[in-house]
Amino acid sequence: TPYIISAPFNISGRLGGVEIQWQQPIGWGFGFQANGTYVDGQDADGN
């Protein structure tokens, strides 16, 4: 019988984004680190 098979294949695409990071000691041994990233990407079919 015929089956619908899910399989990997090659396709072109693109990926771009921006990352922001901040490291800040507060004092007396305390501090914090923060980072955030935004990514926009898709393959040639728009997926």
All heavy atoms as atom14 arrays in JSON, in Angstrom:
{
  "sequence": "TPYIISAPFNISGRLGGVEIQWQQPIGWGFGFQANGTYVDGQDADGN",
  "atom14_mask": [
    [1, 1, 1, 1, 1, 1, 1, 0, 0, 0, 0, 0, 0, 0],
    [1, 1, 1, 1, 1, 1, 1, 0, 0, 0, 0, 0, 0, 0],
    [1, 1, 1, 1, 1, 1, 1, 1, 1, 1, 1, 1, 0, 0],
    [1, 1, 1, 1, 1, 1, 1, 1, 0, 0, 0, 0, 0, 0],
    [1, 1, 1, 1, 1, 1, 1, 1, 0, 0, 0, 0, 0, 0],
    [1, 1, 1, 1, 1, 1, 0, 0, 0, 0, 0, 0, 0, 0],
    [1, 1, 1, 1, 1, 0, 0, 0, 0, 0, 0, 0, 0, 0],
    [1, 1, 1, 1, 1, 1, 1, 0, 0, 0, 0, 0, 0, 0],
    [1, 1, 1, 1, 1, 1, 1, 1, 1, 1, 1, 0, 0, 0],
    [1, 1, 1, 1, 1, 1, 1, 1, 0, 0, 0, 0, 0, 0],
    [1, 1, 1, 1, 1, 1, 1, 1, 0, 0, 0, 0, 0, 0],
    [1, 1, 1, 1, 1, 1, 0, 0, 0, 0, 0, 0, 0, 0],
    [1, 1, 1, 1, 0, 0, 0, 0, 0, 0, 0, 0, 0, 0],
    [1, 1, 1, 1, 1, 1, 1, 1, 1, 1, 1, 0, 0, 0],
    [1, 1, 1, 1, 1, 1, 1, 1, 0, 0, 0, 0, 0, 0],
    [1, 1, 1, 1, 0, 0, 0, 0, 0, 0, 0, 0, 0, 0],
    [1, 1, 1, 1, 0, 0, 0, 0, 0, 0, 0, 0, 0, 0],
    [1, 1, 1, 1, 1, 1, 1, 0, 0, 0, 0, 0, 0, 0],
    [1, 1, 1, 1, 1, 1, 1, 1, 1, 0, 0, 0, 0, 0],
    [1, 1, 1, 1, 1, 1, 1, 1, 0, 0, 0, 0, 0, 0],
    [1, 1, 1, 1, 1, 1, 1, 1, 1, 0, 0, 0, 0, 0],
    [1, 1, 1, 1, 1, 1, 1, 1, 1, 1, 1, 1, 1, 1],
    [1, 1, 1, 1, 1, 1, 1, 1, 1, 0, 0, 0, 0, 0],
    [1, 1, 1, 1, 1, 1, 1, 1, 1, 0, 0, 0, 0, 0],
    [1, 1, 1, 1, 1, 1, 1, 0, 0, 0, 0, 0, 0, 0],
    [1, 1, 1, 1, 1, 1, 1, 1, 0, 0, 0, 0, 0, 0],
    [1, 1, 1, 1, 0, 0, 0, 0, 0, 0, 0, 0, 0, 0],
    [1, 1, 1, 1, 1, 1, 1, 1, 1, 1, 1, 1, 1, 1],
    [1, 1, 1, 1, 0, 0, 0, 0, 0, 0, 0, 0, 0, 0],
    [1, 1, 1, 1, 1, 1, 1, 1, 1, 1, 1, 0, 0, 0],
    [1, 1, 1, 1, 0, 0, 0, 0, 0, 0, 0, 0, 0, 0],
    [1, 1, 1, 1, 1, 1, 1, 1, 1, 1, 1, 0, 0, 0],
    [1, 1, 1, 1, 1, 1, 1, 1, 1, 0, 0, 0, 0, 0],
    [1, 1, 1, 1, 1, 0, 0, 0, 0, 0, 0, 0, 0, 0],
    [1, 1, 1, 1, 1, 1, 1, 1, 0, 0, 0, 0, 0, 0],
    [1, 1, 1, 1, 0, 0, 0, 0, 0, 0, 0, 0, 0, 0],
    [1, 1, 1, 1, 1, 1, 1, 0, 0, 0, 0, 0, 0, 0],
    [1, 1, 1, 1, 1, 1, 1, 1, 1, 1, 1, 1, 0, 0],
    [1, 1, 1, 1, 1, 1, 1, 0, 0, 0, 0, 0, 0, 0],
    [1, 1, 1, 1, 1, 1, 1, 1, 0, 0, 0, 0, 0, 0],
    [1, 1, 1, 1, 0, 0, 0, 0, 0, 0, 0, 0, 0, 0],
    [1, 1, 1, 1, 1, 1, 1, 1, 1, 0, 0, 0, 0, 0],
    [1, 1, 1, 1, 1, 1, 1, 1, 0, 0, 0, 0, 0, 0],
    [1, 1, 1, 1, 1, 0, 0, 0, 0, 0, 0, 0, 0, 0],
    [1, 1, 1, 1, 1, 1, 1, 1, 0, 0, 0, 0, 0, 0],
    [1, 1, 1, 1, 0, 0, 0, 0, 0, 0, 0, 0, 0, 0],
    [1, 1, 1, 1, 1, 1, 1, 1, 0, 0, 0, 0, 0, 0]
  ],
  "atom14_positions": [
    [[0.85, -1.19, 0.0], [0.0, 0.0, 0.0], [0.89, 1.24, 0.0], [2.04, 1.2, 0.44], [-0.92, 0.05, 1.24], [-0.1, 0.03, 2.42], [-1.88, -1.13, 1.27], [0.0, 0.0, 0.0], [0.0, 0.0, 0.0], [0.0, 0.0, 0.0], [0.0, 0.0, 0.0], [0.0, 0.0, 0.0], [0.0, 0.0, 0.0], [0.0, 0.0, 0.0]],
    [[0.38, 2.37, -0.48], [1.15, 3.62, -0.43], [1.15, 4.2, 0.98], [0.13, 4.17, 1.68], [0.42, 4.52, -1.42], [-0.99, 4.02, -1.43], [-0.9, 2.54, -1.21], [0.0, 0.0, 0.0], [0.0, 0.0, 0.0], [0.0, 0.0, 0.0], [0.0, 0.0, 0.0], [0.0, 0.0, 0.0], [0.0, 0.0, 0.0], [0.0, 0.0, 0.0]],
    [[2.29, 4.72, 1.39], [2.45, 5.38, 2.68], [2.9, 6.82, 2.46], [3.68, 7.1, 1.53], [3.5, 4.68, 3.54], [3.1, 3.34, 4.1], [3.11, 2.2, 3.29], [2.72, 3.2, 5.43], [2.77, 0.96, 3.8], [2.38, 1.97, 5.96], [2.4, 0.85, 5.13], [2.05, -0.38, 5.65], [0.0, 0.0, 0.0], [0.0, 0.0, 0.0]],
    [[2.44, 7.73, 3.32], [2.97, 9.09, 3.33], [4.17, 9.11, 4.27], [4.02, 8.92, 5.48], [1.91, 10.11, 3.79], [0.72, 10.1, 2.83], [2.52, 11.51, 3.86], [-0.41, 11.02, 3.26], [0.0, 0.0, 0.0], [0.0, 0.0, 0.0], [0.0, 0.0, 0.0], [0.0, 0.0, 0.0], [0.0, 0.0, 0.0], [0.0, 0.0, 0.0]],
    [[5.36, 9.28, 3.73], [6.59, 9.2, 4.49], [7.15, 10.6, 4.74], [7.31, 11.4, 3.81], [7.65, 8.36, 3.75], [7.1, 6.96, 3.46], [8.93, 8.27, 4.57], [6.77, 6.15, 4.69], [0.0, 0.0, 0.0], [0.0, 0.0, 0.0], [0.0, 0.0, 0.0], [0.0, 0.0, 0.0], [0.0, 0.0, 0.0], [0.0, 0.0, 0.0]],
    [[7.46, 10.91, 6.0], [8.13, 12.16, 6.37], [9.63, 11.9, 6.39], [10.09, 11.01, 7.11], [7.67, 12.65, 7.74], [6.27, 12.83, 7.77], [0.0, 0.0, 0.0], [0.0, 0.0, 0.0], [0.0, 0.0, 0.0], [0.0, 0.0, 0.0], [0.0, 0.0, 0.0], [0.0, 0.0, 0.0], [0.0, 0.0, 0.0], [0.0, 0.0, 0.0]],
    [[10.38, 12.67, 5.61], [11.83, 12.44, 5.5], [12.55, 13.76, 5.31], [11.98, 14.73, 4.8], [12.12, 11.49, 4.35], [0.0, 0.0, 0.0], [0.0, 0.0, 0.0], [0.0, 0.0, 0.0], [0.0, 0.0, 0.0], [0.0, 0.0, 0.0], [0.0, 0.0, 0.0], [0.0, 0.0, 0.0], [0.0, 0.0, 0.0], [0.0, 0.0, 0.0]],
    [[13.82, 13.84, 5.7], [14.6, 15.06, 5.52], [15.0, 15.26, 4.06], [15.13, 14.29, 3.3], [15.82, 14.85, 6.41], [15.97, 13.37, 6.48], [14.58, 12.8, 6.42], [0.0, 0.0, 0.0], [0.0, 0.0, 0.0], [0.0, 0.0, 0.0], [0.0, 0.0, 0.0], [0.0, 0.0, 0.0], [0.0, 0.0, 0.0], [0.0, 0.0, 0.0]],
    [[15.2, 16.52, 3.67], [15.68, 16.83, 2.34], [16.44, 18.15, 2.41], [16.35, 18.88, 3.4], [14.52, 16.92, 1.33], [13.7, 18.18, 1.45], [13.75, 19.14, 0.47], [12.88, 18.41, 2.55], [12.99, 20.31, 0.56], [12.12, 19.56, 2.66], [12.19, 20.52, 1.66], [0.0, 0.0, 0.0], [0.0, 0.0, 0.0], [0.0, 0.0, 0.0]],
    [[17.2, 18.46, 1.38], [18.0, 19.69, 1.33], [17.23, 20.83, 0.69], [16.55, 20.65, -0.32], [19.3, 19.47, 0.57], [20.27, 18.6, 1.32], [20.57, 17.5, 0.89], [20.78, 19.08, 2.44], [0.0, 0.0, 0.0], [0.0, 0.0, 0.0], [0.0, 0.0, 0.0], [0.0, 0.0, 0.0], [0.0, 0.0, 0.0], [0.0, 0.0, 0.0]],
    [[17.37, 22.0, 1.27], [16.75, 23.2, 0.73], [17.58, 24.4, 1.22], [18.24, 24.32, 2.25], [15.27, 23.33, 1.2], [14.57, 24.46, 0.47], [15.2, 23.5, 2.71], [13.07, 24.53, 0.76], [0.0, 0.0, 0.0], [0.0, 0.0, 0.0], [0.0, 0.0, 0.0], [0.0, 0.0, 0.0], [0.0, 0.0, 0.0], [0.0, 0.0, 0.0]],
    [[17.57, 25.48, 0.49], [18.3, 26.67, 0.91], [17.47, 27.46, 1.92], [16.26, 27.23, 2.09], [18.66, 27.54, -0.29], [17.48, 27.96, -0.95], [0.0, 0.0, 0.0], [0.0, 0.0, 0.0], [0.0, 0.0, 0.0], [0.0, 0.0, 0.0], [0.0, 0.0, 0.0], [0.0, 0.0, 0.0], [0.0, 0.0, 0.0], [0.0, 0.0, 0.0]],
    [[18.09, 28.41, 2.59], [17.38, 29.23, 3.57], [18.26, 30.37, 4.05], [19.38, 30.57, 3.57], [0.0, 0.0, 0.0], [0.0, 0.0, 0.0], [0.0, 0.0, 0.0], [0.0, 0.0, 0.0], [0.0, 0.0, 0.0], [0.0, 0.0, 0.0], [0.0, 0.0, 0.0], [0.0, 0.0, 0.0], [0.0, 0.0, 0.0], [0.0, 0.0, 0.0]],
    [[17.75, 31.1, 5.01], [18.51, 32.22, 5.57], [18.13, 32.39, 7.03], [17.06, 31.99, 7.49], [18.22, 33.5, 4.81], [16.76, 33.88, 4.73], [16.54, 35.34, 5.07], [15.1, 35.63, 5.19], [14.55, 35.98, 6.32], [15.27, 36.07, 7.42], [13.27, 36.26, 6.39], [0.0, 0.0, 0.0], [0.0, 0.0, 0.0], [0.0, 0.0, 0.0]],
    [[19.06, 33.0, 7.78], [18.88, 33.18, 9.22], [19.59, 34.45, 9.62], [20.76, 34.66, 9.28], [19.45, 31.98, 9.97], [19.45, 32.01, 11.5], [18.03, 31.86, 12.0], [20.32, 30.91, 12.06], [0.0, 0.0, 0.0], [0.0, 0.0, 0.0], [0.0, 0.0, 0.0], [0.0, 0.0, 0.0], [0.0, 0.0, 0.0], [0.0, 0.0, 0.0]],
    [[18.9, 35.33, 10.34], [19.52, 36.56, 10.8], [18.93, 36.99, 12.13], [17.85, 36.56, 12.52], [0.0, 0.0, 0.0], [0.0, 0.0, 0.0], [0.0, 0.0, 0.0], [0.0, 0.0, 0.0], [0.0, 0.0, 0.0], [0.0, 0.0, 0.0], [0.0, 0.0, 0.0], [0.0, 0.0, 0.0], [0.0, 0.0, 0.0], [0.0, 0.0, 0.0]],
    [[19.69, 37.82, 12.84], [19.18, 38.26, 14.13], [20.12, 39.2, 14.85], [21.15, 39.62, 14.32], [0.0, 0.0, 0.0], [0.0, 0.0, 0.0], [0.0, 0.0, 0.0], [0.0, 0.0, 0.0], [0.0, 0.0, 0.0], [0.0, 0.0, 0.0], [0.0, 0.0, 0.0], [0.0, 0.0, 0.0], [0.0, 0.0, 0.0], [0.0, 0.0, 0.0]],
    [[19.76, 39.5, 16.09], [20.53, 40.4, 16.92], [20.56, 39.87, 18.34], [19.58, 39.27, 18.82], [19.94, 41.83, 16.88], [18.49, 41.83, 17.36], [20.77, 42.81, 17.69], [0.0, 0.0, 0.0], [0.0, 0.0, 0.0], [0.0, 0.0, 0.0], [0.0, 0.0, 0.0], [0.0, 0.0, 0.0], [0.0, 0.0, 0.0], [0.0, 0.0, 0.0]],
    [[21.69, 40.07, 19.03], [21.84, 39.64, 20.42], [22.35, 40.81, 21.25], [23.24, 41.53, 20.83], [22.81, 38.47, 20.53], [23.01, 37.99, 21.97], [24.02, 36.87, 22.11], [24.81, 36.69, 21.16], [24.03, 36.19, 23.14], [0.0, 0.0, 0.0], [0.0, 0.0, 0.0], [0.0, 0.0, 0.0], [0.0, 0.0, 0.0], [0.0, 0.0, 0.0]],
    [[21.76, 40.96, 22.44], [22.17, 41.99, 23.39], [22.54, 41.32, 24.71], [21.82, 40.43, 25.18], [21.05, 43.02, 23.62], [20.69, 43.72, 22.31], [21.46, 44.05, 24.66], [19.51, 44.67, 22.43], [0.0, 0.0, 0.0], [0.0, 0.0, 0.0], [0.0, 0.0, 0.0], [0.0, 0.0, 0.0], [0.0, 0.0, 0.0], [0.0, 0.0, 0.0]],
    [[23.65, 41.73, 25.31], [24.06, 41.17, 26.59], [24.56, 42.27, 27.53], [25.09, 43.29, 27.09], [25.12, 40.1, 26.42], [26.39, 40.53, 25.71], [27.42, 39.42, 25.65], [27.69, 38.73, 26.64], [28.0, 39.23, 24.47], [0.0, 0.0, 0.0], [0.0, 0.0, 0.0], [0.0, 0.0, 0.0], [0.0, 0.0, 0.0], [0.0, 0.0, 0.0]],
    [[24.38, 42.02, 28.81], [24.75, 42.99, 29.84], [25.24, 42.23, 31.06], [24.58, 41.32, 31.55], [23.54, 43.86, 30.18], [23.8, 44.92, 31.22], [25.0, 45.43, 31.63], [22.82, 45.62, 32.0], [24.85, 46.39, 32.59], [23.52, 46.54, 32.84], [21.43, 45.57, 32.05], [22.84, 47.39, 33.73], [20.76, 46.42, 32.95], [21.47, 47.31, 33.76]],
    [[26.43, 42.58, 31.55], [26.99, 42.02, 32.77], [27.32, 43.15, 33.72], [28.02, 44.09, 33.36], [28.23, 41.19, 32.48], [28.88, 40.61, 33.74], [30.01, 39.65, 33.42], [29.87, 38.79, 32.56], [31.12, 39.79, 34.13], [0.0, 0.0, 0.0], [0.0, 0.0, 0.0], [0.0, 0.0, 0.0], [0.0, 0.0, 0.0], [0.0, 0.0, 0.0]],
    [[26.78, 43.06, 34.96], [26.9, 44.18, 35.89], [27.11, 43.7, 37.33], [26.22, 43.09, 37.93], [25.63, 45.04, 35.84], [25.59, 46.17, 36.86], [26.67, 47.19, 36.62], [26.72, 47.81, 35.58], [27.56, 47.36, 37.59], [0.0, 0.0, 0.0], [0.0, 0.0, 0.0], [0.0, 0.0, 0.0], [0.0, 0.0, 0.0], [0.0, 0.0, 0.0]],
    [[28.3, 43.93, 37.91], [28.46, 43.68, 39.34], [27.77, 44.78, 40.14], [27.8, 45.95, 39.76], [29.97, 43.71, 39.53], [30.48, 44.57, 38.42], [29.55, 44.38, 37.27], [0.0, 0.0, 0.0], [0.0, 0.0, 0.0], [0.0, 0.0, 0.0], [0.0, 0.0, 0.0], [0.0, 0.0, 0.0], [0.0, 0.0, 0.0], [0.0, 0.0, 0.0]],
    [[27.12, 44.39, 41.24], [26.39, 45.36, 42.07], [27.24, 45.8, 43.26], [27.21, 46.98, 43.66], [25.07, 44.75, 42.55], [24.18, 44.4, 41.36], [24.33, 45.71, 43.48], [22.92, 43.67, 41.72], [0.0, 0.0, 0.0], [0.0, 0.0, 0.0], [0.0, 0.0, 0.0], [0.0, 0.0, 0.0], [0.0, 0.0, 0.0], [0.0, 0.0, 0.0]],
    [[27.99, 44.89, 43.81], [28.8, 45.18, 44.98], [28.68, 44.1, 46.02], [27.71, 43.32, 46.02], [0.0, 0.0, 0.0], [0.0, 0.0, 0.0], [0.0, 0.0, 0.0], [0.0, 0.0, 0.0], [0.0, 0.0, 0.0], [0.0, 0.0, 0.0], [0.0, 0.0, 0.0], [0.0, 0.0, 0.0], [0.0, 0.0, 0.0], [0.0, 0.0, 0.0]],
    [[29.66, 44.02, 46.91], [29.68, 43.02, 47.98], [29.6, 41.59, 47.44], [29.05, 40.7, 48.08], [28.53, 43.28, 48.96], [28.53, 44.65, 49.52], [29.34, 45.18, 50.49], [27.67, 45.71, 49.1], [29.05, 46.49, 50.7], [28.02, 46.86, 49.86], [26.65, 45.83, 48.15], [27.4, 48.07, 49.71], [26.03, 47.04, 48.0], [26.4, 48.14, 48.76]],
    [[30.1, 41.38, 46.22], [30.1, 40.05, 45.63], [28.89, 39.72, 44.79], [28.84, 38.68, 44.13], [0.0, 0.0, 0.0], [0.0, 0.0, 0.0], [0.0, 0.0, 0.0], [0.0, 0.0, 0.0], [0.0, 0.0, 0.0], [0.0, 0.0, 0.0], [0.0, 0.0, 0.0], [0.0, 0.0, 0.0], [0.0, 0.0, 0.0], [0.0, 0.0, 0.0]],
    [[27.89, 40.6, 44.79], [26.66, 40.35, 44.03], [26.75, 40.96, 42.63], [27.49, 41.92, 42.4], [25.45, 40.93, 44.75], [25.08, 40.22, 46.02], [25.53, 40.71, 47.25], [24.3, 39.08, 45.99], [25.2, 40.06, 48.43], [23.97, 38.43, 47.18], [24.42, 38.91, 48.39], [0.0, 0.0, 0.0], [0.0, 0.0, 0.0], [0.0, 0.0, 0.0]],
    [[26.0, 40.38, 41.71], [25.94, 40.92, 40.36], [24.92, 40.15, 39.53], [24.26, 39.22, 40.02], [0.0, 0.0, 0.0], [0.0, 0.0, 0.0], [0.0, 0.0, 0.0], [0.0, 0.0, 0.0], [0.0, 0.0, 0.0], [0.0, 0.0, 0.0], [0.0, 0.0, 0.0], [0.0, 0.0, 0.0], [0.0, 0.0, 0.0], [0.0, 0.0, 0.0]],
    [[24.78, 40.56, 38.29], [23.85, 39.85, 37.41], [24.36, 39.86, 35.97], [25.18, 40.7, 35.58], [22.43, 40.44, 37.49], [22.31, 41.82, 36.9], [22.08, 42.01, 35.54], [22.41, 42.94, 37.72], [21.96, 43.28, 35.01], [22.3, 44.21, 37.2], [22.07, 44.38, 35.83], [0.0, 0.0, 0.0], [0.0, 0.0, 0.0], [0.0, 0.0, 0.0]],
    [[23.87, 38.93, 35.2], [24.15, 38.83, 33.77], [22.82, 38.65, 33.04], [21.94, 37.94, 33.53], [25.06, 37.64, 33.46], [26.42, 37.7, 34.15], [27.17, 36.38, 34.04], [26.57, 35.31, 33.99], [28.49, 36.46, 34.03], [0.0, 0.0, 0.0], [0.0, 0.0, 0.0], [0.0, 0.0, 0.0], [0.0, 0.0, 0.0], [0.0, 0.0, 0.0]],
    [[22.68, 39.28, 31.9], [21.44, 39.16, 31.12], [21.78, 39.18, 29.64], [22.7, 39.88, 29.2], [20.48, 40.31, 31.45], [0.0, 0.0, 0.0], [0.0, 0.0, 0.0], [0.0, 0.0, 0.0], [0.0, 0.0, 0.0], [0.0, 0.0, 0.0], [0.0, 0.0, 0.0], [0.0, 0.0, 0.0], [0.0, 0.0, 0.0], [0.0, 0.0, 0.0]],
    [[21.07, 38.39, 28.89], [21.22, 38.42, 27.44], [19.9, 38.03, 26.78], [19.1, 37.28, 27.35], [22.36, 37.53, 26.95], [22.11, 36.06, 27.23], [21.26, 35.44, 26.61], [22.87, 35.5, 28.17], [0.0, 0.0, 0.0], [0.0, 0.0, 0.0], [0.0, 0.0, 0.0], [0.0, 0.0, 0.0], [0.0, 0.0, 0.0], [0.0, 0.0, 0.0]],
    [[19.68, 38.54, 25.6], [18.49, 38.23, 24.83], [18.82, 38.19, 23.36], [19.67, 38.94, 22.88], [0.0, 0.0, 0.0], [0.0, 0.0, 0.0], [0.0, 0.0, 0.0], [0.0, 0.0, 0.0], [0.0, 0.0, 0.0], [0.0, 0.0, 0.0], [0.0, 0.0, 0.0], [0.0, 0.0, 0.0], [0.0, 0.0, 0.0], [0.0, 0.0, 0.0]],
    [[18.16, 37.3, 22.63], [18.43, 37.13, 21.21], [17.11, 37.09, 20.44], [16.16, 36.41, 20.86], [19.2, 35.83, 20.95], [20.41, 35.83, 21.71], [19.55, 35.7, 19.47], [0.0, 0.0, 0.0], [0.0, 0.0, 0.0], [0.0, 0.0, 0.0], [0.0, 0.0, 0.0], [0.0, 0.0, 0.0], [0.0, 0.0, 0.0], [0.0, 0.0, 0.0]],
    [[17.08, 37.81, 19.33], [15.96, 37.75, 18.4], [16.46, 37.16, 17.09], [17.49, 37.6, 16.55], [15.37, 39.14, 18.15], [14.36, 39.16, 17.02], [13.05, 38.73, 17.24], [14.72, 39.58, 15.75], [12.13, 38.73, 16.21], [13.81, 39.57, 14.71], [12.51, 39.15, 14.94], [11.61, 39.15, 13.92], [0.0, 0.0, 0.0], [0.0, 0.0, 0.0]],
    [[15.76, 36.15, 16.58], [16.18, 35.46, 15.36], [15.01, 35.42, 14.39], [13.87, 35.11, 14.77], [16.64, 34.02, 15.67], [16.99, 33.29, 14.38], [17.83, 34.03, 16.6], [0.0, 0.0, 0.0], [0.0, 0.0, 0.0], [0.0, 0.0, 0.0], [0.0, 0.0, 0.0], [0.0, 0.0, 0.0], [0.0, 0.0, 0.0], [0.0, 0.0, 0.0]],
    [[15.29, 35.73, 13.15], [14.3, 35.61, 12.08], [14.91, 34.75, 10.99], [15.96, 35.08, 10.45], [13.92, 36.99, 11.53], [12.91, 36.89, 10.39], [12.0, 36.05, 10.5], [13.03, 37.65, 9.41], [0.0, 0.0, 0.0], [0.0, 0.0, 0.0], [0.0, 0.0, 0.0], [0.0, 0.0, 0.0], [0.0, 0.0, 0.0], [0.0, 0.0, 0.0]],
    [[14.27, 33.63, 10.69], [14.81, 32.74, 9.68], [13.74, 31.9, 9.04], [12.69, 31.61, 9.65], [0.0, 0.0, 0.0], [0.0, 0.0, 0.0], [0.0, 0.0, 0.0], [0.0, 0.0, 0.0], [0.0, 0.0, 0.0], [0.0, 0.0, 0.0], [0.0, 0.0, 0.0], [0.0, 0.0, 0.0], [0.0, 0.0, 0.0], [0.0, 0.0, 0.0]],
    [[13.97, 31.49, 7.8], [13.06, 30.62, 7.09], [13.78, 29.96, 5.93], [14.83, 30.43, 5.49], [11.84, 31.41, 6.59], [12.18, 32.56, 5.65], [10.97, 33.39, 5.29], [9.94, 33.33, 5.94], [11.08, 34.15, 4.23], [0.0, 0.0, 0.0], [0.0, 0.0, 0.0], [0.0, 0.0, 0.0], [0.0, 0.0, 0.0], [0.0, 0.0, 0.0]],
    [[13.2, 28.86, 5.45], [13.8, 28.2, 4.29], [13.27, 28.82, 3.0], [12.47, 29.78, 3.03], [13.56, 26.69, 4.34], [12.08, 26.31, 4.26], [11.29, 27.08, 3.69], [11.72, 25.23, 4.76], [0.0, 0.0, 0.0], [0.0, 0.0, 0.0], [0.0, 0.0, 0.0], [0.0, 0.0, 0.0], [0.0, 0.0, 0.0], [0.0, 0.0, 0.0]],
    [[13.69, 28.29, 1.87], [13.34, 28.88, 0.58], [11.84, 28.82, 0.29], [11.34, 29.61, -0.52], [14.11, 28.19, -0.54], [0.0, 0.0, 0.0], [0.0, 0.0, 0.0], [0.0, 0.0, 0.0], [0.0, 0.0, 0.0], [0.0, 0.0, 0.0], [0.0, 0.0, 0.0], [0.0, 0.0, 0.0], [0.0, 0.0, 0.0], [0.0, 0.0, 0.0]],
    [[11.12, 27.91, 0.96], [9.68, 27.82, 0.78], [8.9, 28.69, 1.75], [7.67, 28.66, 1.77], [9.23, 26.36, 0.93], [9.72, 25.48, -0.21], [10.0, 26.03, -1.29], [9.84, 24.25, -0.01], [0.0, 0.0, 0.0], [0.0, 0.0, 0.0], [0.0, 0.0, 0.0], [0.0, 0.0, 0.0], [0.0, 0.0, 0.0], [0.0, 0.0, 0.0]],
    [[9.62, 29.45, 2.6], [8.95, 30.32, 3.56], [8.56, 29.64, 4.86], [7.87, 30.24, 5.68], [0.0, 0.0, 0.0], [0.0, 0.0, 0.0], [0.0, 0.0, 0.0], [0.0, 0.0, 0.0], [0.0, 0.0, 0.0], [0.0, 0.0, 0.0], [0.0, 0.0, 0.0], [0.0, 0.0, 0.0], [0.0, 0.0, 0.0], [0.0, 0.0, 0.0]],
    [[9.03, 28.41, 5.09], [8.71, 27.69, 6.32], [9.74, 28.0, 7.4], [10.9, 28.29, 7.1], [8.7, 26.18, 6.05], [7.67, 25.79, 5.02], [6.52, 26.22, 5.1], [8.07, 24.98, 4.06], [0.0, 0.0, 0.0], [0.0, 0.0, 0.0], [0.0, 0.0, 0.0], [0.0, 0.0, 0.0], [0.0, 0.0, 0.0], [0.0, 0.0, 0.0]]
  ]
}
